């Protein structure tokens, strides 16, 4: 099932029963002051149920404010900030995050990569707070060379350090054996246990092989279903191309992430261009036009 467009107005919150236990995610104890004031996009609500307007929302990764402008002009749905020279989820400096947030319309969320991992819990929380202070709507924490127990500890530390309005996305890897990370099938349970709001599957090693070289449609569909069951945002990335979009739409993630396909040149030395992003947006439009629609959504809020 393709994710409902309205569902993408916000991130999933953790399970409803956690509303009575705000301390599990640090509600009311945030060390970030005014971090979300520039955001019009509300990241902590969603609409679930049969699709009304089928949609795939494009997340475009940028390295600076100029690229952010190109991505916005091309039709990106989310602007992601990272440094690809530092890895799949290369840490973005706070000054860069601030410049990108300022260059991005308030209606669009900005996500921030904190790094591939591994992380000590305190350091992960420190990086997340710095990103949120510059206007990040959600942060992505990589689990490279990280055990399940260490991952849960790091994610819990990040969640406790942030206000509920800033969402936490656990980022695992399709090539998990090479990455030394928990396998994708374990990510939804891990994220739910740690109080995160979403899961991303990317590729750790950028050697020309992409997401579909490591996981087939069935495995990815099962991952999406497990995210849905846990009330989590589901995102896919990993050397994706425009021609992958119809296949991705059939699998049904909330977000699909692009860097290389949005660039003239490679993902590290190349630059995001409006024309490349527009080409991706056109494919999304074609997929949406061909997809069936109908049904009634159920609106649910979950405390973050």
Protein backbone atom coordinates (compact mmCIF):
# COMPACT_ATOMS: atom_id res chain seq x y z
CA UNK A 1 0.00 0.00 0.00
CA UNK A 2 1.30 3.43 -0.89
CA UNK A 3 1.46 5.76 2.07
CA UNK A 4 -1.40 8.31 2.28
CA UNK A 5 -0.27 11.78 1.34
CA UNK A 6 -1.80 13.27 4.48
CA UNK A 7 0.12 10.77 6.57
CA UNK A 8 3.27 12.48 5.40
CA UNK A 9 2.29 15.78 6.97
CA UNK A 10 3.90 14.40 10.13
CA UNK A 11 5.88 11.63 11.68
CA UNK A 12 4.43 8.76 13.63
CA UNK A 13 4.47 9.09 17.35
CA UNK A 14 5.19 6.13 19.62
CA UNK A 15 2.37 3.90 20.74
CA UNK A 16 -0.66 5.56 22.30
CA UNK A 17 -0.18 3.83 25.66
CA UNK A 18 3.05 5.76 26.13
CA UNK A 19 1.01 8.93 26.59
CA UNK A 20 0.85 8.11 30.32
CA UNK A 21 4.62 7.69 30.56
CA UNK A 22 6.20 10.85 29.15
CA UNK A 23 9.39 10.27 31.10
CA UNK A 24 10.23 7.39 28.77
CA UNK A 25 10.98 9.88 26.04
CA UNK A 26 11.96 12.86 28.10
CA UNK A 27 8.79 14.89 27.64
CA UNK A 28 8.94 18.07 29.66
CA UNK A 29 12.69 17.68 30.23
CA UNK A 30 14.04 19.00 26.96
CA UNK A 31 17.41 20.70 26.90
CA UNK A 32 16.53 22.41 23.62
CA UNK A 33 15.07 25.90 23.85
CA UNK A 34 12.89 27.05 20.98
CA UNK A 35 14.35 24.51 18.59
CA UNK A 36 11.13 24.01 16.67
CA UNK A 37 9.95 27.61 16.42
CA UNK A 38 10.86 27.92 12.74
CA UNK A 39 8.85 24.83 11.81
CA UNK A 40 5.33 25.01 10.44
CA UNK A 41 5.40 21.32 9.61
CA UNK A 42 4.07 19.28 12.57
CA UNK A 43 6.19 16.15 12.93
CA UNK A 44 4.19 14.37 15.61
CA UNK A 45 0.87 13.45 14.03
CA UNK A 46 -0.17 11.19 11.23
CA UNK A 47 -3.14 9.78 9.37
CA UNK A 48 -3.28 6.05 8.84
CA UNK A 49 -5.64 3.80 6.96
CA UNK A 50 -6.37 3.14 3.28
CA UNK A 51 -4.76 5.67 0.95
CA UNK A 52 -6.80 8.70 -0.08
CA UNK A 53 -4.19 10.28 -2.36
CA UNK A 54 -1.38 7.81 -2.95
CA UNK A 55 1.98 9.50 -2.54
CA UNK A 56 5.69 8.96 -2.21
CA UNK A 57 7.40 11.86 -0.51
CA UNK A 58 10.89 12.72 -1.74
CA UNK A 59 13.67 13.31 0.76
CA UNK A 60 16.62 15.00 -0.94
CA UNK A 61 19.96 15.09 0.85
CA UNK A 62 21.92 18.34 0.53
CA UNK A 63 25.27 19.64 1.75
CA UNK A 64 24.56 23.37 1.89
CA UNK A 65 21.99 26.13 1.46
CA UNK A 66 22.55 26.41 -2.30
CA UNK A 67 21.72 22.76 -2.82
CA UNK A 68 18.71 23.17 -0.54
CA UNK A 69 17.40 25.89 -2.85
CA UNK A 70 17.82 23.60 -5.85
CA UNK A 71 16.02 20.76 -4.09
CA UNK A 72 13.13 22.98 -3.03
CA UNK A 73 12.78 24.39 -6.55
CA UNK A 74 12.72 20.85 -7.93
CA UNK A 75 9.87 19.73 -5.70
CA UNK A 76 11.52 17.97 -2.75
CA UNK A 77 9.18 17.11 0.11
CA UNK A 78 11.84 16.99 2.82
CA UNK A 79 15.28 18.57 2.87
CA UNK A 80 17.88 16.35 4.51
CA UNK A 81 21.25 17.70 5.65
CA UNK A 82 24.33 15.49 5.66
CA UNK A 83 27.98 15.36 4.64
CA UNK A 84 28.33 12.44 2.19
CA UNK A 85 32.12 12.57 2.45
CA UNK A 86 31.71 11.32 6.03
CA UNK A 87 29.60 8.28 5.18
CA UNK A 88 26.10 7.18 4.27
CA UNK A 89 24.70 9.35 7.08
CA UNK A 90 27.62 11.75 7.33
CA UNK A 91 27.34 14.17 10.24
CA UNK A 92 26.29 17.68 9.24
CA UNK A 93 27.81 20.60 11.15
CA UNK A 94 25.29 22.78 13.07
CA UNK A 95 26.23 25.90 11.07
CA UNK A 96 25.34 24.05 7.87
CA UNK A 97 22.05 22.87 9.35
CA UNK A 98 21.22 26.44 10.33
CA UNK A 99 21.98 27.77 6.83
CA UNK A 100 19.89 25.04 5.18
CA UNK A 101 16.97 25.64 7.56
CA UNK A 102 17.08 29.36 6.76
CA UNK A 103 17.10 28.62 3.02
CA UNK A 104 14.19 26.18 3.23
CA UNK A 105 10.54 27.32 3.34
CA UNK A 106 8.99 26.82 6.77
CA UNK A 107 6.35 24.54 5.22
CA UNK A 108 9.05 21.93 4.48
CA UNK A 109 10.71 19.90 7.23
CA UNK A 110 14.47 19.61 7.54
CA UNK A 111 16.04 16.36 8.68
CA UNK A 112 19.61 16.00 9.90
CA UNK A 113 22.00 13.05 9.77
CA UNK A 114 23.98 12.59 12.97
CA UNK A 115 26.43 10.06 11.53
CA UNK A 116 26.75 6.38 10.66
CA UNK A 117 27.71 5.29 14.19
CA UNK A 118 28.71 3.85 16.55
CA UNK A 119 27.69 6.33 19.25
CA UNK A 120 28.12 6.65 22.97
CA UNK A 121 24.68 7.63 24.34
CA UNK A 122 25.88 10.97 25.69
CA UNK A 123 27.57 11.94 22.45
CA UNK A 124 24.52 10.94 20.40
CA UNK A 125 22.31 13.12 22.60
CA UNK A 126 24.73 16.04 22.30
CA UNK A 127 24.71 15.88 18.49
CA UNK A 128 20.92 15.60 18.39
CA UNK A 129 20.44 18.62 20.65
CA UNK A 130 22.77 20.67 18.46
CA UNK A 131 20.82 19.72 15.32
CA UNK A 132 17.46 20.45 16.95
CA UNK A 133 18.67 23.84 18.11
CA UNK A 134 19.21 24.77 14.46
CA UNK A 135 15.67 23.79 13.45
CA UNK A 136 15.80 20.08 12.64
CA UNK A 137 12.34 18.51 12.52
CA UNK A 138 13.85 15.07 12.93
CA UNK A 139 17.26 13.49 13.39
CA UNK A 140 18.63 10.25 11.95
CA UNK A 141 20.94 8.10 14.05
CA UNK A 142 23.04 5.47 12.24
CA UNK A 143 23.68 2.06 13.76
CA UNK A 144 26.91 1.04 12.05
CA UNK A 145 29.11 -1.25 14.21
CA UNK A 146 26.39 -1.18 16.87
CA UNK A 147 24.78 -4.02 18.81
CA UNK A 148 21.07 -4.05 19.50
CA UNK A 149 21.60 -3.19 23.16
CA UNK A 150 23.96 -0.32 22.38
CA UNK A 151 21.54 0.96 19.74
CA UNK A 152 18.64 1.06 22.17
CA UNK A 153 20.77 2.90 24.74
CA UNK A 154 21.87 5.54 22.22
CA UNK A 155 18.38 6.08 20.81
CA UNK A 156 16.87 6.39 24.28
CA UNK A 157 19.48 9.00 25.18
CA UNK A 158 18.65 10.99 22.06
CA UNK A 159 14.92 10.74 22.65
CA UNK A 160 15.26 11.86 26.27
CA UNK A 161 17.34 14.88 25.24
CA UNK A 162 14.87 16.25 22.69
CA UNK A 163 11.42 17.86 22.91
CA UNK A 164 8.56 15.71 21.60
CA UNK A 165 8.21 17.89 18.49
CA UNK A 166 11.61 16.68 17.22
CA UNK A 167 11.34 13.12 15.93
CA UNK A 168 14.02 10.44 16.11
CA UNK A 169 14.63 8.07 13.20
CA UNK A 170 16.70 4.91 13.65
CA UNK A 171 18.87 4.30 10.58
CA UNK A 172 19.90 0.75 9.80
CA UNK A 173 21.51 -0.73 6.73
CA UNK A 174 20.44 -3.17 4.04
CA UNK A 175 24.03 -4.45 3.92
CA UNK A 176 23.92 -5.04 7.65
CA UNK A 177 26.58 -7.76 7.70
CA UNK A 178 29.12 -5.39 6.20
CA UNK A 179 27.92 -2.55 8.40
CA UNK A 180 27.95 -4.52 11.65
CA UNK A 181 24.44 -3.27 12.37
CA UNK A 182 21.18 -4.95 13.42
CA UNK A 183 19.44 -6.46 10.37
CA UNK A 184 16.56 -4.47 8.85
CA UNK A 185 13.97 -6.97 10.04
CA UNK A 186 14.89 -6.10 13.65
CA UNK A 187 14.76 -2.32 13.27
CA UNK A 188 11.03 -1.69 13.91
CA UNK A 189 11.05 -3.57 17.22
CA UNK A 190 14.30 -1.87 18.22
CA UNK A 191 12.97 1.58 17.35
CA UNK A 192 9.71 1.00 19.21
CA UNK A 193 11.54 -0.27 22.29
CA UNK A 194 13.78 2.80 22.31
CA UNK A 195 10.96 5.34 21.84
CA UNK A 196 11.90 6.42 18.31
CA UNK A 197 9.37 7.68 15.78
CA UNK A 198 10.72 6.10 12.61
CA UNK A 199 13.04 3.69 10.82
CA UNK A 200 15.25 4.16 7.78
CA UNK A 201 16.95 1.43 5.77
CA UNK A 202 19.92 2.73 3.74
CA UNK A 203 23.11 1.17 2.38
CA UNK A 204 26.28 1.60 4.43
CA UNK A 205 28.90 1.02 1.75
CA UNK A 206 28.49 3.17 -1.36
CA UNK A 207 30.08 0.90 -3.95
CA UNK A 208 27.49 1.05 -6.71
CA UNK A 209 25.20 -1.55 -5.20
CA UNK A 210 21.85 -0.22 -4.06
CA UNK A 211 18.99 -1.11 -1.76
CA UNK A 212 17.48 -3.70 -4.11
CA UNK A 213 20.81 -5.51 -4.45
CA UNK A 214 20.56 -6.41 -0.77
CA UNK A 215 16.85 -6.73 -0.04
CA UNK A 216 14.04 -7.95 -2.27
CA UNK A 217 10.53 -6.54 -2.47
CA UNK A 218 9.18 -9.08 -0.02
CA UNK A 219 11.72 -8.24 2.67
CA UNK A 220 11.15 -4.51 2.22
CA UNK A 221 7.37 -4.92 2.29
CA UNK A 222 7.67 -6.88 5.53
CA UNK A 223 9.81 -4.09 6.98
CA UNK A 224 7.18 -1.51 6.02
CA UNK A 225 4.40 -3.64 7.51
CA UNK A 226 6.31 -4.00 10.78
CA UNK A 227 6.84 -0.24 10.91
CA UNK A 228 3.12 0.33 10.34
CA UNK A 229 2.22 -2.14 13.09
CA UNK A 230 4.54 -0.33 15.52
CA UNK A 231 3.26 3.13 14.53
CA UNK A 232 6.58 4.15 13.00
CA UNK A 233 7.54 6.21 10.00
CA UNK A 234 9.13 4.01 7.30
CA UNK A 235 11.84 5.36 5.01
CA UNK A 236 13.98 3.74 2.32
CA UNK A 237 17.20 4.91 0.68
CA UNK A 238 20.40 3.50 -0.77
CA UNK A 239 21.68 4.37 -4.25
CA UNK A 240 18.11 4.64 -5.52
CA UNK A 241 17.34 5.73 -9.08
CA UNK A 242 14.35 7.37 -10.72
CA UNK A 243 13.40 4.07 -12.34
CA UNK A 244 13.08 2.52 -8.86
CA UNK A 245 10.22 4.83 -7.88
CA UNK A 246 7.31 2.76 -9.27
CA UNK A 247 8.68 -0.29 -7.49
CA UNK A 248 9.15 1.70 -4.29
CA UNK A 249 5.61 3.06 -4.50
CA UNK A 250 4.26 -0.48 -4.66
CA UNK A 251 6.23 -1.34 -1.50
CA UNK A 252 4.80 1.73 0.22
CA UNK A 253 7.34 3.63 2.35
CA UNK A 254 6.45 7.03 3.73
CA UNK A 255 9.68 8.56 2.46
CA UNK A 256 12.26 7.71 -0.19
CA UNK A 257 15.70 9.28 0.04
CA UNK A 258 17.93 10.39 -2.82
CA UNK A 259 21.36 11.96 -3.12
CA UNK A 260 23.25 10.55 -6.12
CA UNK A 261 20.23 10.53 -8.44
CA UNK A 262 19.57 14.17 -7.56
CA UNK A 263 23.14 15.24 -8.39
CA UNK A 264 25.08 16.16 -11.48
CA UNK A 265 28.14 14.06 -10.78
CA UNK A 266 28.56 11.56 -7.97
CA UNK A 267 27.06 11.71 -4.48
CA UNK A 268 30.20 13.18 -2.88
CA UNK A 269 31.68 15.57 -5.44
CA UNK A 270 28.49 16.22 -7.39
CA UNK A 271 25.88 18.90 -6.76
CA UNK A 272 22.12 18.62 -6.34
CA UNK A 273 20.38 20.21 -9.30
CA UNK A 274 16.83 21.44 -9.69
CA UNK A 275 16.51 19.58 -12.99
CA UNK A 276 17.46 16.25 -11.43
CA UNK A 277 15.04 16.72 -8.55
CA UNK A 278 12.31 17.80 -10.97
CA UNK A 279 12.86 14.59 -12.92
CA UNK A 280 12.34 12.55 -9.76
CA UNK A 281 9.24 14.59 -8.91
CA UNK A 282 7.79 13.95 -12.36
CA UNK A 283 8.16 10.20 -11.89
CA UNK A 284 6.42 10.48 -8.53
CA UNK A 285 3.58 12.39 -10.20
CA UNK A 286 3.24 9.68 -12.82
CA UNK A 287 3.16 6.95 -10.19
CA UNK A 288 0.50 8.80 -8.21
CA UNK A 289 -1.64 9.36 -11.30
CA UNK A 290 -1.65 5.63 -12.05
CA UNK A 291 -2.28 4.43 -8.50
CA UNK A 292 -5.80 3.64 -7.21
CA UNK A 293 -7.21 5.72 -4.38
CA UNK A 294 -10.07 5.56 -1.95
CA UNK A 295 -10.89 4.73 1.61
CA UNK A 296 -11.29 6.61 4.84
CA UNK A 297 -8.36 7.51 7.00
CA UNK A 298 -8.15 7.13 10.73
CA UNK A 299 -6.46 10.05 12.43
CA UNK A 300 -4.26 9.09 15.34
CA UNK A 301 -1.93 11.09 17.56
CA UNK A 302 0.74 9.52 19.70
CA UNK A 303 2.77 11.30 22.33
CA UNK A 304 6.43 11.75 21.45
